[in-house]
Amino acid sequence: MNPCPVCDVYFESDDPLFEIHVNSHFESEENTINSLPESQTLNQNWEIIKSSLSNSSAVLCAPIDYYSNTKDDFWPDSCGYRNLQMLLSSLVSQGWVDKVYSVNELQILLEESWNAGFDITGGMQLNFKVVGTNKWIGSTEVANVLHYLRIRFDLYLTENSTKLYDFHQPTGPNRQHPRLVEMVKNYYGDISEKGVSVTNRTPLYFQHQGHSQSIIGIERNNEKEYLLLYDPNQKQTGSHLVKLPVERLSKHRQYSILSVEDKIQESDIERYKELRSTRIP
């Protein structure tokens, strides 16, 4: 395993994206392993993904970095933190945050958010303590950290709050989730025409019982539709892309999705300290 010399992410020894990931931490060419600037290194991985989808219709989020769980991590299933890091890598490229925080730094930010009065109810469930522990975090804790960083999420039907979509039960026959798929389509845009398009959207944080992933796009191929995922538990090299047929969403009864929408103004911050979600249906 190759550890990143800047953060706590590990790569397989033959992973071609190791140098790309390391370079993404630096802004100047003289500090990189090679001379590719950050925007080009991120786009390079996106070109690999686009090539793999060339015979279908697909829409992708803006290029992001991939963060994985490995046996060398502080604990083996830190997926909530890893997906938050992937989301932050998108926000860094758009200038919304300064850096991608390490797992330990994210734990500190979460505790600081509780101390500042954000989502006190959620903090009570974890006894307001996560630093130095292997406590599992989910969508509500991720939303809390982002609110603390002044990042607002989109939420249907509720104004001035975190947009947390709670698909608490199937919305179609045979345990299917057509409303969830519809929400992803509305977020990323039209996939009716053949070809791959890249948007300026951030990835969607995607939670189900016991695990989380990042939805980086959606694909239609021969009348079948797929959610395109980055999964921190995926050990393959290359693009790390996982294609989930939408009918396999029937595996779980409940899902939740977070979508970044805007920055929070300091004058509005108090109204974001109470975390809410929209239940669908």
C-alpha atoms as a PDB file:
ATOM      1  CA  MET A   1       0.000   0.000   0.000  1.00  0.00           C
ATOM      2  CA  ASN A   2       1.149   3.541  -0.803  1.00  0.00           C
ATOM      3  CA  PRO A   3       0.209   6.209   1.783  1.00  0.00           C
ATOM      4  CA  CYS A   4      -0.437   9.735   0.566  1.00  0.00           C
ATOM      5  CA  PRO A   5       2.334  11.913   2.068  1.00  0.00           C
ATOM      6  CA  VAL A   6      -0.160  14.717   2.719  1.00  0.00           C
ATOM      7  CA  CYS A   7      -3.325  13.064   4.078  1.00  0.00           C
ATOM      8  CA  ASP A   8      -4.302   9.680   5.516  1.00  0.00           C
ATOM      9  CA  VAL A   9      -5.492   8.013   2.291  1.00  0.00           C
ATOM     10  CA  TYR A  10      -3.873   4.800   1.033  1.00  0.00           C
ATOM     11  CA  PHE A  11      -3.658   3.478  -2.522  1.00  0.00           C
ATOM     12  CA  GLU A  12      -2.750   0.102  -3.982  1.00  0.00           C
ATOM     13  CA  SER A  13       0.894   0.017  -5.078  1.00  0.00           C
ATOM     14  CA  ASP A  14      -0.065  -0.153  -8.757  1.00  0.00           C
ATOM     15  CA  ASP A  15      -2.865   2.423  -8.664  1.00  0.00           C
ATOM     16  CA  PRO A  16      -2.204   4.969 -11.468  1.00  0.00           C
ATOM     17  CA  LEU A  17      -4.234   7.581  -9.577  1.00  0.00           C
ATOM     18  CA  PHE A  18      -1.770   7.750  -6.679  1.00  0.00           C
ATOM     19  CA  GLU A  19       0.245  10.600  -8.198  1.00  0.00           C
ATOM     20  CA  ILE A  20      -2.950  12.329  -9.366  1.00  0.00           C
ATOM     21  CA  HIS A  21      -4.336  12.285  -5.824  1.00  0.00           C
ATOM     22  CA  VAL A  22      -1.115  13.605  -4.262  1.00  0.00           C
ATOM     23  CA  ASN A  23      -0.905  16.414  -6.814  1.00  0.00           C
ATOM     24  CA  SER A  24      -4.436  17.541  -5.957  1.00  0.00           C
ATOM     25  CA  HIS A  25      -3.190  18.729  -2.544  1.00  0.00           C
ATOM     26  CA  PHE A  26      -0.881  21.305  -4.087  1.00  0.00           C
ATOM     27  CA  GLU A  27      -1.512  24.528  -5.949  1.00  0.00           C
ATOM     28  CA  SER A  28       1.897  25.250  -7.464  1.00  0.00           C
ATOM     29  CA  GLU A  29       3.665  23.106 -10.048  1.00  0.00           C
ATOM     30  CA  GLU A  30       6.978  23.027  -8.208  1.00  0.00           C
ATOM     31  CA  ASN A  31       5.371  21.200  -5.262  1.00  0.00           C
ATOM     32  CA  THR A  32       3.813  18.372  -7.298  1.00  0.00           C
ATOM     33  CA  ILE A  33       5.159  14.951  -8.194  1.00  0.00           C
ATOM     34  CA  ASN A  34       4.668  15.856 -11.861  1.00  0.00           C
ATOM     35  CA  SER A  35       3.746  19.063 -13.637  1.00  0.00           C
ATOM     36  CA  LEU A  36       0.006  18.526 -14.064  1.00  0.00           C
ATOM     37  CA  PRO A  37      -2.085  21.258 -12.335  1.00  0.00           C
ATOM     38  CA  GLU A  38      -4.913  20.235  -9.985  1.00  0.00           C
ATOM     39  CA  SER A  39      -7.767  20.827 -12.442  1.00  0.00           C
ATOM     40  CA  GLN A  40      -6.116  18.661 -15.078  1.00  0.00           C
ATOM     41  CA  THR A  41      -5.323  15.784 -12.718  1.00  0.00           C
ATOM     42  CA  LEU A  42      -8.940  15.618 -11.538  1.00  0.00           C
ATOM     43  CA  ASN A  43     -10.218  15.814 -15.094  1.00  0.00           C
ATOM     44  CA  GLN A  44      -7.848  13.043 -16.107  1.00  0.00           C
ATOM     45  CA  ASN A  45      -9.697  10.551 -13.919  1.00  0.00           C
ATOM     46  CA  TRP A  46     -13.025  11.870 -15.233  1.00  0.00           C
ATOM     47  CA  GLU A  47     -11.845  11.143 -18.790  1.00  0.00           C
ATOM     48  CA  ILE A  48     -11.304   7.518 -17.762  1.00  0.00           C
ATOM     49  CA  ILE A  49     -14.852   7.366 -16.426  1.00  0.00           C
ATOM     50  CA  LYS A  50     -16.303   9.087 -19.496  1.00  0.00           C
ATOM     51  CA  SER A  51     -14.524   6.609 -21.748  1.00  0.00           C
ATOM     52  CA  SER A  52     -16.046   3.677 -19.848  1.00  0.00           C
ATOM     53  CA  LEU A  53     -19.525   5.161 -20.403  1.00  0.00           C
ATOM     54  CA  SER A  54     -19.021   6.123 -24.059  1.00  0.00           C
ATOM     55  CA  ASN A  55     -21.716   3.772 -25.411  1.00  0.00           C
ATOM     56  CA  SER A  56     -24.465   5.037 -23.107  1.00  0.00           C
ATOM     57  CA  SER A  57     -26.233   8.209 -21.973  1.00  0.00           C
ATOM     58  CA  ALA A  58     -24.860   9.591 -18.718  1.00  0.00           C
ATOM     59  CA  VAL A  59     -24.475  12.741 -16.636  1.00  0.00           C
ATOM     60  CA  LEU A  60     -21.653  13.199 -14.101  1.00  0.00           C
ATOM     61  CA  CYS A  61     -20.969  15.586 -11.246  1.00  0.00           C
ATOM     62  CA  ALA A  62     -17.938  17.884 -11.365  1.00  0.00           C
ATOM     63  CA  PRO A  63     -14.614  15.975 -11.007  1.00  0.00           C
ATOM     64  CA  ILE A  64     -13.805  14.854  -7.467  1.00  0.00           C
ATOM     65  CA  ASP A  65     -11.092  12.930  -5.664  1.00  0.00           C
ATOM     66  CA  TYR A  66     -11.632   9.357  -4.457  1.00  0.00           C
ATOM     67  CA  TYR A  67     -11.113   8.420  -0.790  1.00  0.00           C
ATOM     68  CA  SER A  68     -11.164   4.808   0.357  1.00  0.00           C
ATOM     69  CA  ASN A  69     -11.324   2.658   3.454  1.00  0.00           C
ATOM     70  CA  THR A  70      -8.334   0.346   3.778  1.00  0.00           C
ATOM     71  CA  LYS A  71      -7.078  -2.158   6.309  1.00  0.00           C
ATOM     72  CA  ASP A  72      -4.501   0.434   7.360  1.00  0.00           C
ATOM     73  CA  ASP A  73      -7.111   2.995   8.355  1.00  0.00           C
ATOM     74  CA  PHE A  74      -7.878   3.956  11.961  1.00  0.00           C
ATOM     75  CA  TRP A  75     -10.873   1.645  11.627  1.00  0.00           C
ATOM     76  CA  PRO A  76     -12.086  -0.383   8.619  1.00  0.00           C
ATOM     77  CA  ASP A  77     -15.487   1.231   8.032  1.00  0.00           C
ATOM     78  CA  SER A  78     -15.097   5.005   8.095  1.00  0.00           C
ATOM     79  CA  CYS A  79     -17.346   5.439   5.053  1.00  0.00           C
ATOM     80  CA  GLY A  80     -19.189   8.481   6.417  1.00  0.00           C
ATOM     81  CA  TYR A  81     -15.933  10.406   6.743  1.00  0.00           C
ATOM     82  CA  ARG A  82     -14.633   9.176   3.368  1.00  0.00           C
ATOM     83  CA  ASN A  83     -17.739  10.268   1.480  1.00  0.00           C
ATOM     84  CA  LEU A  84     -17.603  13.613   3.250  1.00  0.00           C
ATOM     85  CA  GLN A  85     -13.993  13.946   2.072  1.00  0.00           C
ATOM     86  CA  MET A  86     -15.084  13.239  -1.504  1.00  0.00           C
ATOM     87  CA  LEU A  87     -17.764  15.896  -1.224  1.00  0.00           C
ATOM     88  CA  LEU A  88     -15.257  18.353   0.234  1.00  0.00           C
ATOM     89  CA  SER A  89     -12.849  17.688  -2.657  1.00  0.00           C
ATOM     90  CA  SER A  90     -15.566  18.977  -4.991  1.00  0.00           C
ATOM     91  CA  LEU A  91     -16.128  22.037  -2.797  1.00  0.00           C
ATOM     92  CA  VAL A  92     -12.373  22.748  -2.743  1.00  0.00           C
ATOM     93  CA  SER A  93     -12.247  22.795  -6.542  1.00  0.00           C
ATOM     94  CA  GLN A  94     -15.151  25.280  -6.533  1.00  0.00           C
ATOM     95  CA  GLY A  95     -13.525  27.497  -3.897  1.00  0.00           C
ATOM     96  CA  TRP A  96     -16.156  26.924  -1.188  1.00  0.00           C
ATOM     97  CA  VAL A  97     -13.779  25.419   1.382  1.00  0.00           C
ATOM     98  CA  ASP A  98     -10.010  25.664   1.775  1.00  0.00           C
ATOM     99  CA  LYS A  99      -9.050  22.003   1.971  1.00  0.00           C
ATOM    100  CA  VAL A 100     -10.123  18.390   2.365  1.00  0.00           C
ATOM    101  CA  TYR A 101      -9.934  17.651   6.088  1.00  0.00           C
ATOM    102  CA  SER A 102      -8.461  14.442   7.494  1.00  0.00           C
ATOM    103  CA  VAL A 103     -10.692  12.071   9.463  1.00  0.00           C
ATOM    104  CA  ASN A 104      -9.301  13.369  12.752  1.00  0.00           C
ATOM    105  CA  GLU A 105      -9.910  16.965  11.672  1.00  0.00           C
ATOM    106  CA  LEU A 106     -13.487  16.102  10.680  1.00  0.00           C
ATOM    107  CA  GLN A 107     -14.055  14.572  14.114  1.00  0.00           C
ATOM    108  CA  ILE A 108     -12.809  17.788  15.698  1.00  0.00           C
ATOM    109  CA  LEU A 109     -15.088  19.875  13.465  1.00  0.00           C
ATOM    110  CA  LEU A 110     -18.083  17.711  14.403  1.00  0.00           C
ATOM    111  CA  GLU A 111     -17.473  18.202  18.122  1.00  0.00           C
ATOM    112  CA  GLU A 112     -16.923  21.924  17.558  1.00  0.00           C
ATOM    113  CA  SER A 113     -20.255  22.128  15.728  1.00  0.00           C
ATOM    114  CA  TRP A 114     -22.072  20.631  18.719  1.00  0.00           C
ATOM    115  CA  ASN A 115     -20.288  23.036  21.071  1.00  0.00           C
ATOM    116  CA  ALA A 116     -21.476  25.883  18.819  1.00  0.00           C
ATOM    117  CA  GLY A 117     -25.085  24.721  19.138  1.00  0.00           C
ATOM    118  CA  PHE A 118     -25.570  22.807  15.888  1.00  0.00           C
ATOM    119  CA  ASP A 119     -27.900  19.756  16.090  1.00  0.00           C
ATOM    120  CA  ILE A 120     -27.740  19.283  19.846  1.00  0.00           C
ATOM    121  CA  THR A 121     -30.166  16.344  19.638  1.00  0.00           C
ATOM    122  CA  GLY A 122     -27.819  14.478  17.309  1.00  0.00           C
ATOM    123  CA  GLY A 123     -24.846  15.274  19.509  1.00  0.00           C
ATOM    124  CA  MET A 124     -26.594  13.754  22.520  1.00  0.00           C
ATOM    125  CA  GLN A 125     -26.914  10.428  20.655  1.00  0.00           C
ATOM    126  CA  LEU A 126     -23.113  10.267  20.386  1.00  0.00           C
ATOM    127  CA  ASN A 127     -22.505  11.770  23.835  1.00  0.00           C
ATOM    128  CA  PHE A 128     -20.901  14.775  22.107  1.00  0.00           C
ATOM    129  CA  LYS A 129     -17.712  12.728  21.681  1.00  0.00           C
ATOM    130  CA  VAL A 130     -16.180  11.355  18.468  1.00  0.00           C
ATOM    131  CA  VAL A 131     -12.538  12.522  18.493  1.00  0.00           C
ATOM    132  CA  GLY A 132     -10.209   9.554  18.874  1.00  0.00           C
ATOM    133  CA  THR A 133     -13.061   7.038  18.621  1.00  0.00           C
ATOM    134  CA  ASN A 134     -14.317   4.724  15.877  1.00  0.00           C
ATOM    135  CA  LYS A 135     -17.938   5.821  16.232  1.00  0.00           C
ATOM    136  CA  TRP A 136     -19.842   5.510  12.972  1.00  0.00           C
ATOM    137  CA  ILE A 137     -21.320   8.711  11.503  1.00  0.00           C
ATOM    138  CA  GLY A 138     -24.144   9.112   8.999  1.00  0.00           C
ATOM    139  CA  SER A 139     -25.937  11.709   6.929  1.00  0.00           C
ATOM    140  CA  THR A 140     -27.042  13.876   9.867  1.00  0.00           C
ATOM    141  CA  GLU A 141     -23.482  14.236  11.194  1.00  0.00           C
ATOM    142  CA  VAL A 142     -22.203  14.992   7.676  1.00  0.00           C
ATOM    143  CA  ALA A 143     -24.889  17.657   7.287  1.00  0.00           C
ATOM    144  CA  ASN A 144     -23.916  19.103  10.663  1.00  0.00           C
ATOM    145  CA  VAL A 145     -20.246  19.479   9.708  1.00  0.00           C
ATOM    146  CA  LEU A 146     -21.194  21.154   6.453  1.00  0.00           C
ATOM    147  CA  HIS A 147     -23.562  23.561   8.185  1.00  0.00           C
ATOM    148  CA  TYR A 148     -20.747  24.405  10.581  1.00  0.00           C
ATOM    149  CA  LEU A 149     -18.551  25.106   7.534  1.00  0.00           C
ATOM    150  CA  ARG A 150     -21.338  27.418   6.264  1.00  0.00           C
ATOM    151  CA  ILE A 151     -22.402  25.085   3.443  1.00  0.00           C
ATOM    152  CA  ARG A 152     -26.151  24.811   2.851  1.00  0.00           C
ATOM    153  CA  PHE A 153     -27.907  21.706   1.581  1.00  0.00           C
ATOM    154  CA  ASP A 154     -30.971  21.642  -0.630  1.00  0.00           C
ATOM    155  CA  LEU A 155     -34.261  20.441   0.881  1.00  0.00           C
ATOM    156  CA  TYR A 156     -37.669  20.054  -0.752  1.00  0.00           C
ATOM    157  CA  LEU A 157     -40.650  21.731   0.888  1.00  0.00           C
ATOM    158  CA  THR A 158     -38.745  23.253   3.809  1.00  0.00           C
ATOM    159  CA  GLU A 159     -37.213  26.720   3.657  1.00  0.00           C
ATOM    160  CA  ASN A 160     -34.002  27.774   5.374  1.00  0.00           C
ATOM    161  CA  SER A 161     -32.918  24.337   6.489  1.00  0.00           C
ATOM    162  CA  THR A 162     -30.591  21.499   5.586  1.00  0.00           C
ATOM    163  CA  LYS A 163     -31.809  19.576   2.582  1.00  0.00           C
ATOM    164  CA  LEU A 164     -31.855  15.991   3.712  1.00  0.00           C
ATOM    165  CA  TYR A 165     -34.039  13.731   1.596  1.00  0.00           C
ATOM    166  CA  ASP A 166     -35.323  10.827   3.689  1.00  0.00           C
ATOM    167  CA  PHE A 167     -36.683   8.034   1.482  1.00  0.00           C
ATOM    168  CA  HIS A 168     -37.956   6.146   4.500  1.00  0.00           C
ATOM    169  CA  GLN A 169     -39.805   3.455   2.547  1.00  0.00           C
ATOM    170  CA  PRO A 170     -40.108   2.126  -1.030  1.00  0.00           C
ATOM    171  CA  THR A 171     -42.246   4.282  -3.358  1.00  0.00           C
ATOM    172  CA  GLY A 172     -42.957   1.638  -5.996  1.00  0.00           C
ATOM    173  CA  PRO A 173     -43.912  -2.044  -6.348  1.00  0.00           C
ATOM    174  CA  ASN A 174     -41.501  -4.828  -5.383  1.00  0.00           C
ATOM    175  CA  ARG A 175     -39.665  -2.585  -2.895  1.00  0.00           C
ATOM    176  CA  GLN A 176     -38.495  -0.252  -5.689  1.00  0.00           C
ATOM    177  CA  HIS A 177     -37.561   3.422  -5.157  1.00  0.00           C
ATOM    178  CA  PRO A 178     -38.689   5.357  -8.275  1.00  0.00           C
ATOM    179  CA  ARG A 179     -38.995   8.630  -6.328  1.00  0.00           C
ATOM    180  CA  LEU A 180     -35.339   8.377  -5.322  1.00  0.00           C
ATOM    181  CA  VAL A 181     -34.275   7.760  -8.929  1.00  0.00           C
ATOM    182  CA  GLU A 182     -36.438  10.691 -10.054  1.00  0.00           C
ATOM    183  CA  MET A 183     -34.751  12.960  -7.514  1.00  0.00           C
ATOM    184  CA  VAL A 184     -31.279  11.979  -8.809  1.00  0.00           C
ATOM    185  CA  LYS A 185     -32.383  12.610 -12.408  1.00  0.00           C
ATOM    186  CA  ASN A 186     -33.768  16.022 -11.503  1.00  0.00           C
ATOM    187  CA  TYR A 187     -30.536  16.877  -9.723  1.00  0.00           C
ATOM    188  CA  TYR A 188     -28.146  15.898 -12.504  1.00  0.00           C
ATOM    189  CA  GLY A 189     -30.296  16.673 -15.539  1.00  0.00           C
ATOM    190  CA  ASP A 190     -31.363  15.048 -18.799  1.00  0.00           C
ATOM    191  CA  ILE A 191     -29.945  11.627 -19.770  1.00  0.00           C
ATOM    192  CA  SER A 192     -32.119  11.144 -22.852  1.00  0.00           C
ATOM    193  CA  GLU A 193     -29.387  11.814 -25.437  1.00  0.00           C
ATOM    194  CA  LYS A 194     -26.472   9.466 -26.077  1.00  0.00           C
ATOM    195  CA  GLY A 195     -23.144  10.649 -24.743  1.00  0.00           C
ATOM    196  CA  VAL A 196     -21.594  11.702 -21.447  1.00  0.00           C
ATOM    197  CA  SER A 197     -21.907  15.218 -20.041  1.00  0.00           C
ATOM    198  CA  VAL A 198     -20.163  16.693 -17.002  1.00  0.00           C
ATOM    199  CA  THR A 199     -22.012  19.204 -14.822  1.00  0.00           C
ATOM    200  CA  ASN A 200     -20.770  21.605 -12.145  1.00  0.00           C
ATOM    201  CA  ARG A 201     -22.833  19.745  -9.536  1.00  0.00           C
ATOM    202  CA  THR A 202     -21.280  18.298  -6.394  1.00  0.00           C
ATOM    203  CA  PRO A 203     -21.742  14.562  -5.675  1.00  0.00           C
ATOM    204  CA  LEU A 204     -24.740  13.391  -3.664  1.00  0.00           C
ATOM    205  CA  TYR A 205     -24.083  11.874  -0.243  1.00  0.00           C
ATOM    206  CA  PHE A 206     -25.988   8.566  -0.327  1.00  0.00           C
ATOM    207  CA  GLN A 207     -26.848   6.718   2.900  1.00  0.00           C
ATOM    208  CA  HIS A 208     -28.503   3.404   3.677  1.00  0.00           C
ATOM    209  CA  GLN A 209     -28.453   1.114   6.679  1.00  0.00           C
ATOM    210  CA  GLY A 210     -24.852   0.410   7.670  1.00  0.00           C
ATOM    211  CA  HIS A 211     -23.078   2.113   4.766  1.00  0.00           C
ATOM    212  CA  SER A 212     -22.784   5.254   2.661  1.00  0.00           C
ATOM    213  CA  GLN A 213     -21.572   6.029  -0.856  1.00  0.00           C
ATOM    214  CA  SER A 214     -21.343   9.030  -3.175  1.00  0.00           C
ATOM    215  CA  ILE A 215     -23.616   9.297  -6.206  1.00  0.00           C
ATOM    216  CA  ILE A 216     -21.406  10.870  -8.871  1.00  0.00           C
ATOM    217  CA  GLY A 217     -23.890  10.561 -11.748  1.00  0.00           C
ATOM    218  CA  ILE A 218     -26.602   8.570 -13.479  1.00  0.00           C
ATOM    219  CA  GLU A 219     -26.529   6.434 -16.650  1.00  0.00           C
ATOM    220  CA  ARG A 220     -29.007   4.937 -19.119  1.00  0.00           C
ATOM    221  CA  ASN A 221     -27.823   2.050 -21.290  1.00  0.00           C
ATOM    222  CA  ASN A 222     -30.148  -0.130 -23.420  1.00  0.00           C
ATOM    223  CA  GLU A 223     -33.200   1.043 -21.464  1.00  0.00           C
ATOM    224  CA  LYS A 224     -31.561   0.136 -18.144  1.00  0.00           C
ATOM    225  CA  GLU A 225     -30.677   2.846 -15.638  1.00  0.00           C
ATOM    226  CA  TYR A 226     -27.774   2.902 -13.196  1.00  0.00           C
ATOM    227  CA  LEU A 227     -26.667   5.082 -10.308  1.00  0.00           C
ATOM    228  CA  LEU A 228     -22.968   5.836 -10.752  1.00  0.00           C
ATOM    229  CA  LEU A 229     -21.219   5.559  -7.404  1.00  0.00           C
ATOM    230  CA  TYR A 230     -17.934   6.114  -5.634  1.00  0.00           C
ATOM    231  CA  ASP A 231     -17.833   3.551  -2.820  1.00  0.00           C
ATOM    232  CA  PRO A 232     -15.113   3.909  -0.127  1.00  0.00           C
ATOM    233  CA  ASN A 233     -15.135   0.120   0.302  1.00  0.00           C
ATOM    234  CA  GLN A 234     -14.414  -0.531  -3.373  1.00  0.00           C
ATOM    235  CA  LYS A 235     -10.892  -1.964  -3.643  1.00  0.00           C
ATOM    236  CA  GLN A 236     -10.483  -1.920  -7.432  1.00  0.00           C
ATOM    237  CA  THR A 237      -7.932   0.342  -9.084  1.00  0.00           C
ATOM    238  CA  GLY A 238      -8.546   2.545 -12.093  1.00  0.00           C
ATOM    239  CA  SER A 239     -11.547   4.848 -12.065  1.00  0.00           C
ATOM    240  CA  HIS A 240     -13.131   3.287  -8.909  1.00  0.00           C
ATOM    241  CA  LEU A 241     -16.537   3.635 -10.613  1.00  0.00           C
ATOM    242  CA  VAL A 242     -19.383   1.407  -9.368  1.00  0.00           C
ATOM    243  CA  LYS A 243     -22.556   1.035 -11.454  1.00  0.00           C
ATOM    244  CA  LEU A 244     -25.669   0.188  -9.415  1.00  0.00           C
ATOM    245  CA  PRO A 245     -28.754  -0.938 -11.408  1.00  0.00           C
ATOM    246  CA  VAL A 246     -31.682   1.055 -10.025  1.00  0.00           C
ATOM    247  CA  GLU A 247     -33.719  -2.122  -9.491  1.00  0.00           C
ATOM    248  CA  ARG A 248     -31.150  -3.201  -6.903  1.00  0.00           C
ATOM    249  CA  LEU A 249     -32.232  -0.317  -4.695  1.00  0.00           C
ATOM    250  CA  SER A 250     -34.883  -2.774  -3.515  1.00  0.00           C
ATOM    251  CA  LYS A 251     -32.188  -4.325  -1.293  1.00  0.00           C
ATOM    252  CA  HIS A 252     -32.802  -1.652   1.358  1.00  0.00           C
ATOM    253  CA  ARG A 253     -36.040  -0.179   2.631  1.00  0.00           C
ATOM    254  CA  GLN A 254     -34.703   3.241   3.590  1.00  0.00           C
ATOM    255  CA  TYR A 255     -32.234   5.700   2.039  1.00  0.00           C
ATOM    256  CA  SER A 256     -31.234   9.296   2.649  1.00  0.00           C
ATOM    257  CA  ILE A 257     -29.542  11.747   0.288  1.00  0.00           C
ATOM    258  CA  LEU A 258     -27.786  15.059   0.926  1.00  0.00           C
ATOM    259  CA  SER A 259     -27.265  17.595  -1.837  1.00  0.00           C
ATOM    260  CA  VAL A 260     -25.148  20.741  -1.546  1.00  0.00           C
ATOM    261  CA  GLU A 261     -26.895  23.881  -2.756  1.00  0.00           C
ATOM    262  CA  ASP A 262     -25.282  27.100  -1.554  1.00  0.00           C
ATOM    263  CA  LYS A 263     -23.157  28.857   1.069  1.00  0.00           C
ATOM    264  CA  ILE A 264     -24.742  30.112   4.301  1.00  0.00           C
ATOM    265  CA  GLN A 265     -24.539  33.796   5.137  1.00  0.00           C
ATOM    266  CA  GLU A 266     -23.370  34.578   8.667  1.00  0.00           C
ATOM    267  CA  SER A 267     -26.536  36.586   9.277  1.00  0.00           C
ATOM    268  CA  ASP A 268     -28.606  33.437   8.640  1.00  0.00           C
ATOM    269  CA  ILE A 269     -26.522  30.894  10.543  1.00  0.00           C
ATOM    270  CA  GLU A 270     -28.799  30.553  13.594  1.00  0.00           C
ATOM    271  CA  ARG A 271     -31.682  29.136  11.548  1.00  0.00           C
ATOM    272  CA  TYR A 272     -29.450  26.282  10.351  1.00  0.00           C
ATOM    273  CA  LYS A 273     -28.579  24.961  13.785  1.00  0.00           C
ATOM    274  CA  GLU A 274     -31.691  22.792  13.918  1.00  0.00           C
ATOM    275  CA  LEU A 275     -31.410  19.866  11.530  1.00  0.00           C
ATOM    276  CA  ARG A 276     -34.525  18.774   9.623  1.00  0.00           C
ATOM    277  CA  SER A 277     -35.277  16.313   6.862  1.00  0.00           C
ATOM    278  CA  THR A 278     -38.027  15.825   4.295  1.00  0.00           C
ATOM    279  CA  ARG A 279     -39.653  12.400   4.360  1.00  0.00           C
ATOM    280  CA  ILE A 280     -40.516  10.978   0.941  1.00  0.00           C
ATOM    281  CA  PRO A 281     -43.279   9.966   0.548  1.00  0.00           C
END
